[in-house]
Amino acid sequence: MKITKIKDHNIFHLASIIVRDYIVKCHPNKPNNDPKASKKECYAIETFLSLSNVVTCIDQLYYSVDMLSGYKSQNTHEKMNRFDYIVFGIENYYLRLTSIYDRCLRLVNIIFQLGIPERECKEATITKNTNVKITPVANALKSLDKFTSPFRFYRNTIAHESTYSEDILNKLGSYYYVAENDQECKKYMHLFKQDMDKFIANKKEEFFKQIDNLEKNVEVLFDAIEQVFAARLNMQNLQKTKEH
């Protein structure tokens, strides 16, 4: 199963070095005795966790796509047929795909130390912030927003209106519902299974291309914020030196 390459980005390496050094100083058996994290350590830890939120979500997109072809009747709830399983997987995919942009907005909030509450980390409050709007980060966010925007229709429909719908999928769904209580229809199961297999193969190919483009957009953002992150870490080192 493919896992996103984004977790190998250098910004993870920069943050993880500091996070690891802090963890080594802690006491797993006596957490109350853990040393207080410095401003630099807090910054690195918050950044690392926020980066992980983005990367984990991309990993989960890969899981969602791979699982589309993993239906096993003996391993699923007795009331969940293959159609239910596929719709659940597709909806899960779109909900996660569109959440990447929101997580990236929160990440930028932490990188620039804007102090904006999470619930207020919106496009307007982040990309138009005076500290962000004149940097490559703003352009990277705009590109990511442009890429994810078309998929928000599915997200909003799923979240607020109705289940995911597509003509060929609806036709297959109708068969599965009828076949549950009609033995005569079950003899055509192999034909509908072939159609469902073809549908899933096409959908997986479509989704993997989308994830690939998503990763490219996120990588551009990570490239941009790495410079900011490294500069702010260096500033905190200089401040610490002056204090001593």
C-alpha atoms as a PDB file:
ATOM      1  CA  MET A   1       0.000   0.000   0.000  1.00  0.00           C
ATOM      2  CA  LYS A   2       1.464   3.342  -1.056  1.00  0.00           C
ATOM      3  CA  ILE A   3       1.967   5.929   1.638  1.00  0.00           C
ATOM      4  CA  THR A   4       2.553   9.571   0.862  1.00  0.00           C
ATOM      5  CA  LYS A   5       6.107  10.619   0.063  1.00  0.00           C
ATOM      6  CA  ILE A   6       5.438  14.012   1.677  1.00  0.00           C
ATOM      7  CA  LYS A   7       6.476  12.661   5.071  1.00  0.00           C
ATOM      8  CA  ASP A   8      10.060  12.591   3.771  1.00  0.00           C
ATOM      9  CA  HIS A   9      10.082  16.361   3.289  1.00  0.00           C
ATOM     10  CA  ASN A  10      12.977  18.185   4.949  1.00  0.00           C
ATOM     11  CA  ILE A  11      10.711  20.291   7.157  1.00  0.00           C
ATOM     12  CA  PHE A  12       9.768  17.082   8.986  1.00  0.00           C
ATOM     13  CA  HIS A  13      13.451  16.379   9.516  1.00  0.00           C
ATOM     14  CA  LEU A  14      14.081  19.852  10.912  1.00  0.00           C
ATOM     15  CA  ALA A  15      11.182  19.636  13.346  1.00  0.00           C
ATOM     16  CA  SER A  16      11.792  16.024  14.379  1.00  0.00           C
ATOM     17  CA  ILE A  17      15.381  16.706  15.483  1.00  0.00           C
ATOM     18  CA  ILE A  18      14.166  19.184  18.087  1.00  0.00           C
ATOM     19  CA  VAL A  19      11.177  17.054  19.061  1.00  0.00           C
ATOM     20  CA  ARG A  20      13.435  14.031  19.574  1.00  0.00           C
ATOM     21  CA  ASP A  21      15.891  15.995  21.715  1.00  0.00           C
ATOM     22  CA  TYR A  22      13.038  17.105  23.953  1.00  0.00           C
ATOM     23  CA  ILE A  23      11.566  13.585  24.220  1.00  0.00           C
ATOM     24  CA  VAL A  24      14.965  12.237  25.319  1.00  0.00           C
ATOM     25  CA  LYS A  25      14.932  14.684  28.245  1.00  0.00           C
ATOM     26  CA  CYS A  26      11.497  13.543  29.391  1.00  0.00           C
ATOM     27  CA  HIS A  27      10.641  10.827  31.908  1.00  0.00           C
ATOM     28  CA  PRO A  28       8.134   8.278  30.508  1.00  0.00           C
ATOM     29  CA  ASN A  29       7.485   6.799  33.942  1.00  0.00           C
ATOM     30  CA  LYS A  30       7.275  10.166  35.712  1.00  0.00           C
ATOM     31  CA  PRO A  31       5.605  12.637  33.317  1.00  0.00           C
ATOM     32  CA  ASN A  32       5.200  15.167  36.113  1.00  0.00           C
ATOM     33  CA  ASN A  33       8.971  15.495  36.168  1.00  0.00           C
ATOM     34  CA  ASP A  34       9.261  16.329  32.478  1.00  0.00           C
ATOM     35  CA  PRO A  35      11.191  19.549  31.862  1.00  0.00           C
ATOM     36  CA  LYS A  36       9.260  22.537  30.626  1.00  0.00           C
ATOM     37  CA  ALA A  37       9.631  22.868  26.879  1.00  0.00           C
ATOM     38  CA  SER A  38      11.409  25.988  25.669  1.00  0.00           C
ATOM     39  CA  LYS A  39       9.766  28.353  23.189  1.00  0.00           C
ATOM     40  CA  LYS A  40      11.815  26.766  20.421  1.00  0.00           C
ATOM     41  CA  GLU A  41      10.792  23.270  21.486  1.00  0.00           C
ATOM     42  CA  CYS A  42       7.127  24.240  21.775  1.00  0.00           C
ATOM     43  CA  TYR A  43       7.260  25.741  18.300  1.00  0.00           C
ATOM     44  CA  ALA A  44       8.879  22.622  16.832  1.00  0.00           C
ATOM     45  CA  ILE A  45       6.441  20.283  18.588  1.00  0.00           C
ATOM     46  CA  GLU A  46       3.388  22.237  17.458  1.00  0.00           C
ATOM     47  CA  THR A  47       4.737  22.358  13.917  1.00  0.00           C
ATOM     48  CA  PHE A  48       5.524  18.641  13.894  1.00  0.00           C
ATOM     49  CA  LEU A  49       2.040  17.723  15.111  1.00  0.00           C
ATOM     50  CA  SER A  50       0.387  20.023  12.573  1.00  0.00           C
ATOM     51  CA  LEU A  51       2.516  18.599   9.755  1.00  0.00           C
ATOM     52  CA  SER A  52       1.518  15.125  10.899  1.00  0.00           C
ATOM     53  CA  ASN A  53      -2.168  16.068  10.714  1.00  0.00           C
ATOM     54  CA  VAL A  54      -1.741  16.911   7.031  1.00  0.00           C
ATOM     55  CA  VAL A  55       0.356  13.876   6.172  1.00  0.00           C
ATOM     56  CA  THR A  56      -1.845  11.444   8.086  1.00  0.00           C
ATOM     57  CA  CYS A  57      -4.878  12.675   6.181  1.00  0.00           C
ATOM     58  CA  ILE A  58      -3.126  12.035   2.852  1.00  0.00           C
ATOM     59  CA  ASP A  59      -2.163   8.556   4.049  1.00  0.00           C
ATOM     60  CA  GLN A  60      -5.801   7.954   4.909  1.00  0.00           C
ATOM     61  CA  LEU A  61      -6.779   8.938   1.363  1.00  0.00           C
ATOM     62  CA  TYR A  62      -4.597   6.096   0.113  1.00  0.00           C
ATOM     63  CA  TYR A  63      -6.213   3.750   2.635  1.00  0.00           C
ATOM     64  CA  SER A  64      -9.675   4.830   1.506  1.00  0.00           C
ATOM     65  CA  VAL A  65      -8.919   4.146  -2.155  1.00  0.00           C
ATOM     66  CA  ASP A  66      -7.250   0.790  -1.511  1.00  0.00           C
ATOM     67  CA  MET A  67     -10.179  -0.319   0.637  1.00  0.00           C
ATOM     68  CA  LEU A  68     -12.710   0.276  -2.167  1.00  0.00           C
ATOM     69  CA  SER A  69     -11.826  -3.116  -3.584  1.00  0.00           C
ATOM     70  CA  GLY A  70     -11.625  -4.830  -0.207  1.00  0.00           C
ATOM     71  CA  TYR A  71     -15.261  -5.760   0.386  1.00  0.00           C
ATOM     72  CA  LYS A  72     -15.688  -9.170   2.021  1.00  0.00           C
ATOM     73  CA  SER A  73     -19.230 -10.118   2.962  1.00  0.00           C
ATOM     74  CA  GLN A  74     -18.061 -12.347   5.798  1.00  0.00           C
ATOM     75  CA  ASN A  75     -16.033  -9.517   7.332  1.00  0.00           C
ATOM     76  CA  THR A  76     -18.621  -6.733   7.167  1.00  0.00           C
ATOM     77  CA  HIS A  77     -21.807  -6.026   9.058  1.00  0.00           C
ATOM     78  CA  GLU A  78     -24.628  -8.274   7.850  1.00  0.00           C
ATOM     79  CA  LYS A  79     -26.664  -5.227   6.802  1.00  0.00           C
ATOM     80  CA  MET A  80     -23.867  -3.719   4.693  1.00  0.00           C
ATOM     81  CA  ASN A  81     -23.884  -4.947   1.096  1.00  0.00           C
ATOM     82  CA  ARG A  82     -21.194  -4.155  -1.441  1.00  0.00           C
ATOM     83  CA  PHE A  83     -22.987  -1.039  -2.673  1.00  0.00           C
ATOM     84  CA  ASP A  84     -23.184   0.360   0.888  1.00  0.00           C
ATOM     85  CA  TYR A  85     -19.499  -0.397   1.354  1.00  0.00           C
ATOM     86  CA  ILE A  86     -18.452   1.407  -1.846  1.00  0.00           C
ATOM     87  CA  VAL A  87     -20.576   4.494  -1.142  1.00  0.00           C
ATOM     88  CA  PHE A  88     -19.175   4.664   2.385  1.00  0.00           C
ATOM     89  CA  GLY A  89     -15.629   4.503   0.997  1.00  0.00           C
ATOM     90  CA  ILE A  90     -16.201   7.188  -1.644  1.00  0.00           C
ATOM     91  CA  GLU A  91     -17.808   9.549   0.841  1.00  0.00           C
ATOM     92  CA  ASN A  92     -14.949   8.986   3.267  1.00  0.00           C
ATOM     93  CA  TYR A  93     -12.508   9.824   0.467  1.00  0.00           C
ATOM     94  CA  TYR A  94     -14.133  13.146  -0.430  1.00  0.00           C
ATOM     95  CA  LEU A  95     -14.500  14.223   3.187  1.00  0.00           C
ATOM     96  CA  ARG A  96     -10.790  13.662   3.778  1.00  0.00           C
ATOM     97  CA  LEU A  97      -9.679  15.147   0.468  1.00  0.00           C
ATOM     98  CA  THR A  98     -11.392  18.454   1.165  1.00  0.00           C
ATOM     99  CA  SER A  99     -10.168  18.591   4.758  1.00  0.00           C
ATOM    100  CA  ILE A 100      -6.526  18.843   3.621  1.00  0.00           C
ATOM    101  CA  TYR A 101      -6.856  22.545   2.803  1.00  0.00           C
ATOM    102  CA  ASP A 102      -8.311  23.314   6.237  1.00  0.00           C
ATOM    103  CA  ARG A 103      -5.464  21.448   7.917  1.00  0.00           C
ATOM    104  CA  CYS A 104      -2.941  23.363   5.821  1.00  0.00           C
ATOM    105  CA  LEU A 105      -4.476  26.672   6.898  1.00  0.00           C
ATOM    106  CA  ARG A 106      -4.011  25.636  10.530  1.00  0.00           C
ATOM    107  CA  LEU A 107      -0.446  24.585   9.751  1.00  0.00           C
ATOM    108  CA  VAL A 108       0.374  28.013   8.308  1.00  0.00           C
ATOM    109  CA  ASN A 109      -1.193  29.621  11.383  1.00  0.00           C
ATOM    110  CA  ILE A 110       1.315  27.720  13.526  1.00  0.00           C
ATOM    111  CA  ILE A 111       4.298  28.275  11.221  1.00  0.00           C
ATOM    112  CA  PHE A 112       3.814  32.056  11.271  1.00  0.00           C
ATOM    113  CA  GLN A 113       2.724  31.985  14.942  1.00  0.00           C
ATOM    114  CA  LEU A 114      -0.312  34.094  14.094  1.00  0.00           C
ATOM    115  CA  GLY A 115      -2.226  33.007  17.187  1.00  0.00           C
ATOM    116  CA  ILE A 116      -5.548  32.725  15.332  1.00  0.00           C
ATOM    117  CA  PRO A 117      -8.009  30.310  17.027  1.00  0.00           C
ATOM    118  CA  GLU A 118      -8.421  27.082  15.032  1.00  0.00           C
ATOM    119  CA  ARG A 119     -12.100  27.689  14.301  1.00  0.00           C
ATOM    120  CA  GLU A 120     -11.155  31.032  12.735  1.00  0.00           C
ATOM    121  CA  CYS A 121      -8.427  29.653  10.457  1.00  0.00           C
ATOM    122  CA  LYS A 122     -10.184  30.468   7.214  1.00  0.00           C
ATOM    123  CA  GLU A 123      -8.924  31.444   3.774  1.00  0.00           C
ATOM    124  CA  ALA A 124      -9.510  35.145   4.435  1.00  0.00           C
ATOM    125  CA  THR A 125      -7.864  35.218   7.870  1.00  0.00           C
ATOM    126  CA  ILE A 126      -4.749  33.302   6.775  1.00  0.00           C
ATOM    127  CA  THR A 127      -3.906  34.137   3.140  1.00  0.00           C
ATOM    128  CA  LYS A 128      -4.772  37.812   3.597  1.00  0.00           C
ATOM    129  CA  ASN A 129      -2.877  38.165   6.847  1.00  0.00           C
ATOM    130  CA  THR A 130      -0.177  40.831   6.504  1.00  0.00           C
ATOM    131  CA  ASN A 131       2.539  38.350   7.522  1.00  0.00           C
ATOM    132  CA  VAL A 132       1.476  35.774   4.953  1.00  0.00           C
ATOM    133  CA  LYS A 133       0.036  37.507   1.901  1.00  0.00           C
ATOM    134  CA  ILE A 134       3.344  38.778   0.496  1.00  0.00           C
ATOM    135  CA  THR A 135       5.091  35.399   0.782  1.00  0.00           C
ATOM    136  CA  PRO A 136       5.220  32.305  -1.476  1.00  0.00           C
ATOM    137  CA  VAL A 137       3.133  30.573   1.197  1.00  0.00           C
ATOM    138  CA  ALA A 138       0.055  32.569   0.202  1.00  0.00           C
ATOM    139  CA  ASN A 139       0.456  31.544  -3.439  1.00  0.00           C
ATOM    140  CA  ALA A 140       0.895  27.899  -2.443  1.00  0.00           C
ATOM    141  CA  LEU A 141      -2.292  28.032  -0.369  1.00  0.00           C
ATOM    142  CA  LYS A 142      -4.204  29.628  -3.240  1.00  0.00           C
ATOM    143  CA  SER A 143      -3.095  26.858  -5.596  1.00  0.00           C
ATOM    144  CA  LEU A 144      -4.130  24.213  -3.089  1.00  0.00           C
ATOM    145  CA  ASP A 145      -7.477  25.952  -2.600  1.00  0.00           C
ATOM    146  CA  LYS A 146      -8.025  26.044  -6.370  1.00  0.00           C
ATOM    147  CA  PHE A 147      -7.280  22.328  -6.641  1.00  0.00           C
ATOM    148  CA  THR A 148      -9.582  21.237  -3.808  1.00  0.00           C
ATOM    149  CA  SER A 149     -12.464  23.625  -4.564  1.00  0.00           C
ATOM    150  CA  PRO A 150     -14.226  21.425  -7.184  1.00  0.00           C
ATOM    151  CA  PHE A 151     -14.436  18.561  -4.707  1.00  0.00           C
ATOM    152  CA  ARG A 152     -16.199  20.606  -2.036  1.00  0.00           C
ATOM    153  CA  PHE A 153     -19.452  20.140  -3.922  1.00  0.00           C
ATOM    154  CA  TYR A 154     -19.303  16.439  -3.051  1.00  0.00           C
ATOM    155  CA  ARG A 155     -18.236  17.194   0.501  1.00  0.00           C
ATOM    156  CA  ASN A 156     -21.088  19.648   1.078  1.00  0.00           C
ATOM    157  CA  THR A 157     -23.643  17.359  -0.541  1.00  0.00           C
ATOM    158  CA  ILE A 158     -22.539  14.414   1.594  1.00  0.00           C
ATOM    159  CA  ALA A 159     -22.378  16.443   4.793  1.00  0.00           C
ATOM    160  CA  HIS A 160     -25.609  18.413   4.420  1.00  0.00           C
ATOM    161  CA  GLU A 161     -27.906  16.998   1.755  1.00  0.00           C
ATOM    162  CA  SER A 162     -27.720  13.408   0.583  1.00  0.00           C
ATOM    163  CA  THR A 163     -25.583  10.339   0.043  1.00  0.00           C
ATOM    164  CA  TYR A 164     -23.072  10.202  -2.799  1.00  0.00           C
ATOM    165  CA  SER A 165     -24.824   9.638  -6.123  1.00  0.00           C
ATOM    166  CA  GLU A 166     -23.687   8.661  -9.612  1.00  0.00           C
ATOM    167  CA  ASP A 167     -25.855   7.142 -12.365  1.00  0.00           C
ATOM    168  CA  ILE A 168     -23.959   3.903 -12.856  1.00  0.00           C
ATOM    169  CA  LEU A 169     -23.502   3.467  -9.120  1.00  0.00           C
ATOM    170  CA  ASN A 170     -27.215   4.082  -8.496  1.00  0.00           C
ATOM    171  CA  LYS A 171     -28.097   1.383 -11.010  1.00  0.00           C
ATOM    172  CA  LEU A 172     -25.806  -1.088  -9.291  1.00  0.00           C
ATOM    173  CA  GLY A 173     -27.187  -0.047  -5.927  1.00  0.00           C
ATOM    174  CA  SER A 174     -30.745  -0.721  -7.049  1.00  0.00           C
ATOM    175  CA  TYR A 175     -29.769  -4.238  -8.010  1.00  0.00           C
ATOM    176  CA  TYR A 176     -28.057  -4.958  -4.697  1.00  0.00           C
ATOM    177  CA  TYR A 177     -31.068  -3.763  -2.715  1.00  0.00           C
ATOM    178  CA  VAL A 178     -33.495  -5.845  -4.790  1.00  0.00           C
ATOM    179  CA  ALA A 179     -31.271  -8.931  -4.710  1.00  0.00           C
ATOM    180  CA  GLU A 180     -31.207  -8.926  -0.911  1.00  0.00           C
ATOM    181  CA  ASN A 181     -34.813 -10.184  -0.833  1.00  0.00           C
ATOM    182  CA  ASP A 182     -35.197 -11.732  -4.273  1.00  0.00           C
ATOM    183  CA  GLN A 183     -33.593 -15.089  -4.912  1.00  0.00           C
ATOM    184  CA  GLU A 184     -34.399 -14.874  -8.611  1.00  0.00           C
ATOM    185  CA  CYS A 185     -32.274 -11.748  -8.977  1.00  0.00           C
ATOM    186  CA  LYS A 186     -29.318 -13.288  -7.213  1.00  0.00           C
ATOM    187  CA  LYS A 187     -28.544 -15.473 -10.220  1.00  0.00           C
ATOM    188  CA  TYR A 188     -27.391 -12.321 -12.019  1.00  0.00           C
ATOM    189  CA  MET A 189     -24.985 -11.435  -9.223  1.00  0.00           C
ATOM    190  CA  HIS A 190     -21.882 -12.317 -11.258  1.00  0.00           C
ATOM    191  CA  LEU A 191     -22.897  -9.866 -14.006  1.00  0.00           C
ATOM    192  CA  PHE A 192     -23.433  -7.006 -11.597  1.00  0.00           C
ATOM    193  CA  LYS A 193     -20.224  -7.888  -9.799  1.00  0.00           C
ATOM    194  CA  GLN A 194     -18.331  -7.468 -13.073  1.00  0.00           C
ATOM    195  CA  ASP A 195     -19.876  -4.026 -13.532  1.00  0.00           C
ATOM    196  CA  MET A 196     -19.068  -3.085  -9.944  1.00  0.00           C
ATOM    197  CA  ASP A 197     -15.464  -4.294 -10.352  1.00  0.00           C
ATOM    198  CA  LYS A 198     -15.100  -2.131 -13.453  1.00  0.00           C
ATOM    199  CA  PHE A 199     -16.620   0.865 -11.679  1.00  0.00           C
ATOM    200  CA  ILE A 200     -14.236   0.470  -8.740  1.00  0.00           C
ATOM    201  CA  ALA A 201     -11.176   0.077 -10.992  1.00  0.00           C
ATOM    202  CA  ASN A 202     -12.047   3.295 -12.837  1.00  0.00           C
ATOM    203  CA  LYS A 203     -12.762   5.132  -9.596  1.00  0.00           C
ATOM    204  CA  LYS A 204      -9.459   4.048  -8.061  1.00  0.00           C
ATOM    205  CA  GLU A 205      -7.530   5.224 -11.102  1.00  0.00           C
ATOM    206  CA  GLU A 206      -9.332   8.580 -10.931  1.00  0.00           C
ATOM    207  CA  PHE A 207      -8.708   8.964  -7.199  1.00  0.00           C
ATOM    208  CA  PHE A 208      -5.013   8.045  -7.360  1.00  0.00           C
ATOM    209  CA  LYS A 209      -4.451  10.745  -9.997  1.00  0.00           C
ATOM    210  CA  GLN A 210      -6.185  13.255  -7.735  1.00  0.00           C
ATOM    211  CA  ILE A 211      -4.040  12.293  -4.753  1.00  0.00           C
ATOM    212  CA  ASP A 212      -0.903  12.605  -6.864  1.00  0.00           C
ATOM    213  CA  ASN A 213      -1.873  16.177  -7.805  1.00  0.00           C
ATOM    214  CA  LEU A 214      -2.788  16.900  -4.207  1.00  0.00           C
ATOM    215  CA  GLU A 215       0.634  15.767  -3.011  1.00  0.00           C
ATOM    216  CA  LYS A 216       2.333  18.046  -5.536  1.00  0.00           C
ATOM    217  CA  ASN A 217       0.366  21.033  -4.231  1.00  0.00           C
ATOM    218  CA  VAL A 218       1.112  20.168  -0.603  1.00  0.00           C
ATOM    219  CA  GLU A 219       4.786  19.688  -1.391  1.00  0.00           C
ATOM    220  CA  VAL A 220       4.933  23.211  -2.857  1.00  0.00           C
ATOM    221  CA  LEU A 221       3.382  24.521   0.366  1.00  0.00           C
ATOM    222  CA  PHE A 222       5.872  22.578   2.499  1.00  0.00           C
ATOM    223  CA  ASP A 223       8.740  24.013   0.433  1.00  0.00           C
ATOM    224  CA  ALA A 224       7.442  27.515   1.145  1.00  0.00           C
ATOM    225  CA  ILE A 225       6.839  27.101   4.868  1.00  0.00           C
ATOM    226  CA  GLU A 226      10.172  25.346   5.411  1.00  0.00           C
ATOM    227  CA  GLN A 227      11.995  28.629   4.835  1.00  0.00           C
ATOM    228  CA  VAL A 228       9.762  30.415   7.332  1.00  0.00           C
ATOM    229  CA  PHE A 229      10.085  27.627   9.890  1.00  0.00           C
ATOM    230  CA  ALA A 230      13.884  27.517   9.636  1.00  0.00           C
ATOM    231  CA  ALA A 231      14.132  31.324   9.917  1.00  0.00           C
ATOM    232  CA  ARG A 232      11.941  31.454  13.011  1.00  0.00           C
ATOM    233  CA  LEU A 233      13.913  28.664  14.670  1.00  0.00           C
ATOM    234  CA  ASN A 234      17.091  30.627  14.016  1.00  0.00           C
ATOM    235  CA  MET A 235      15.527  33.792  15.438  1.00  0.00           C
ATOM    236  CA  GLN A 236      14.695  31.945  18.638  1.00  0.00           C
ATOM    237  CA  ASN A 237      18.274  30.666  18.844  1.00  0.00           C
ATOM    238  CA  LEU A 238      19.544  34.236  18.581  1.00  0.00           C
ATOM    239  CA  GLN A 239      17.102  35.410  21.247  1.00  0.00           C
ATOM    240  CA  LYS A 240      18.241  32.632  23.542  1.00  0.00           C
ATOM    241  CA  THR A 241      21.878  33.621  22.977  1.00  0.00           C
ATOM    242  CA  LYS A 242      21.143  37.258  23.850  1.00  0.00           C
ATOM    243  CA  GLU A 243      19.346  36.210  27.031  1.00  0.00           C
ATOM    244  CA  HIS A 244      22.479  34.430  28.167  1.00  0.00           C
END
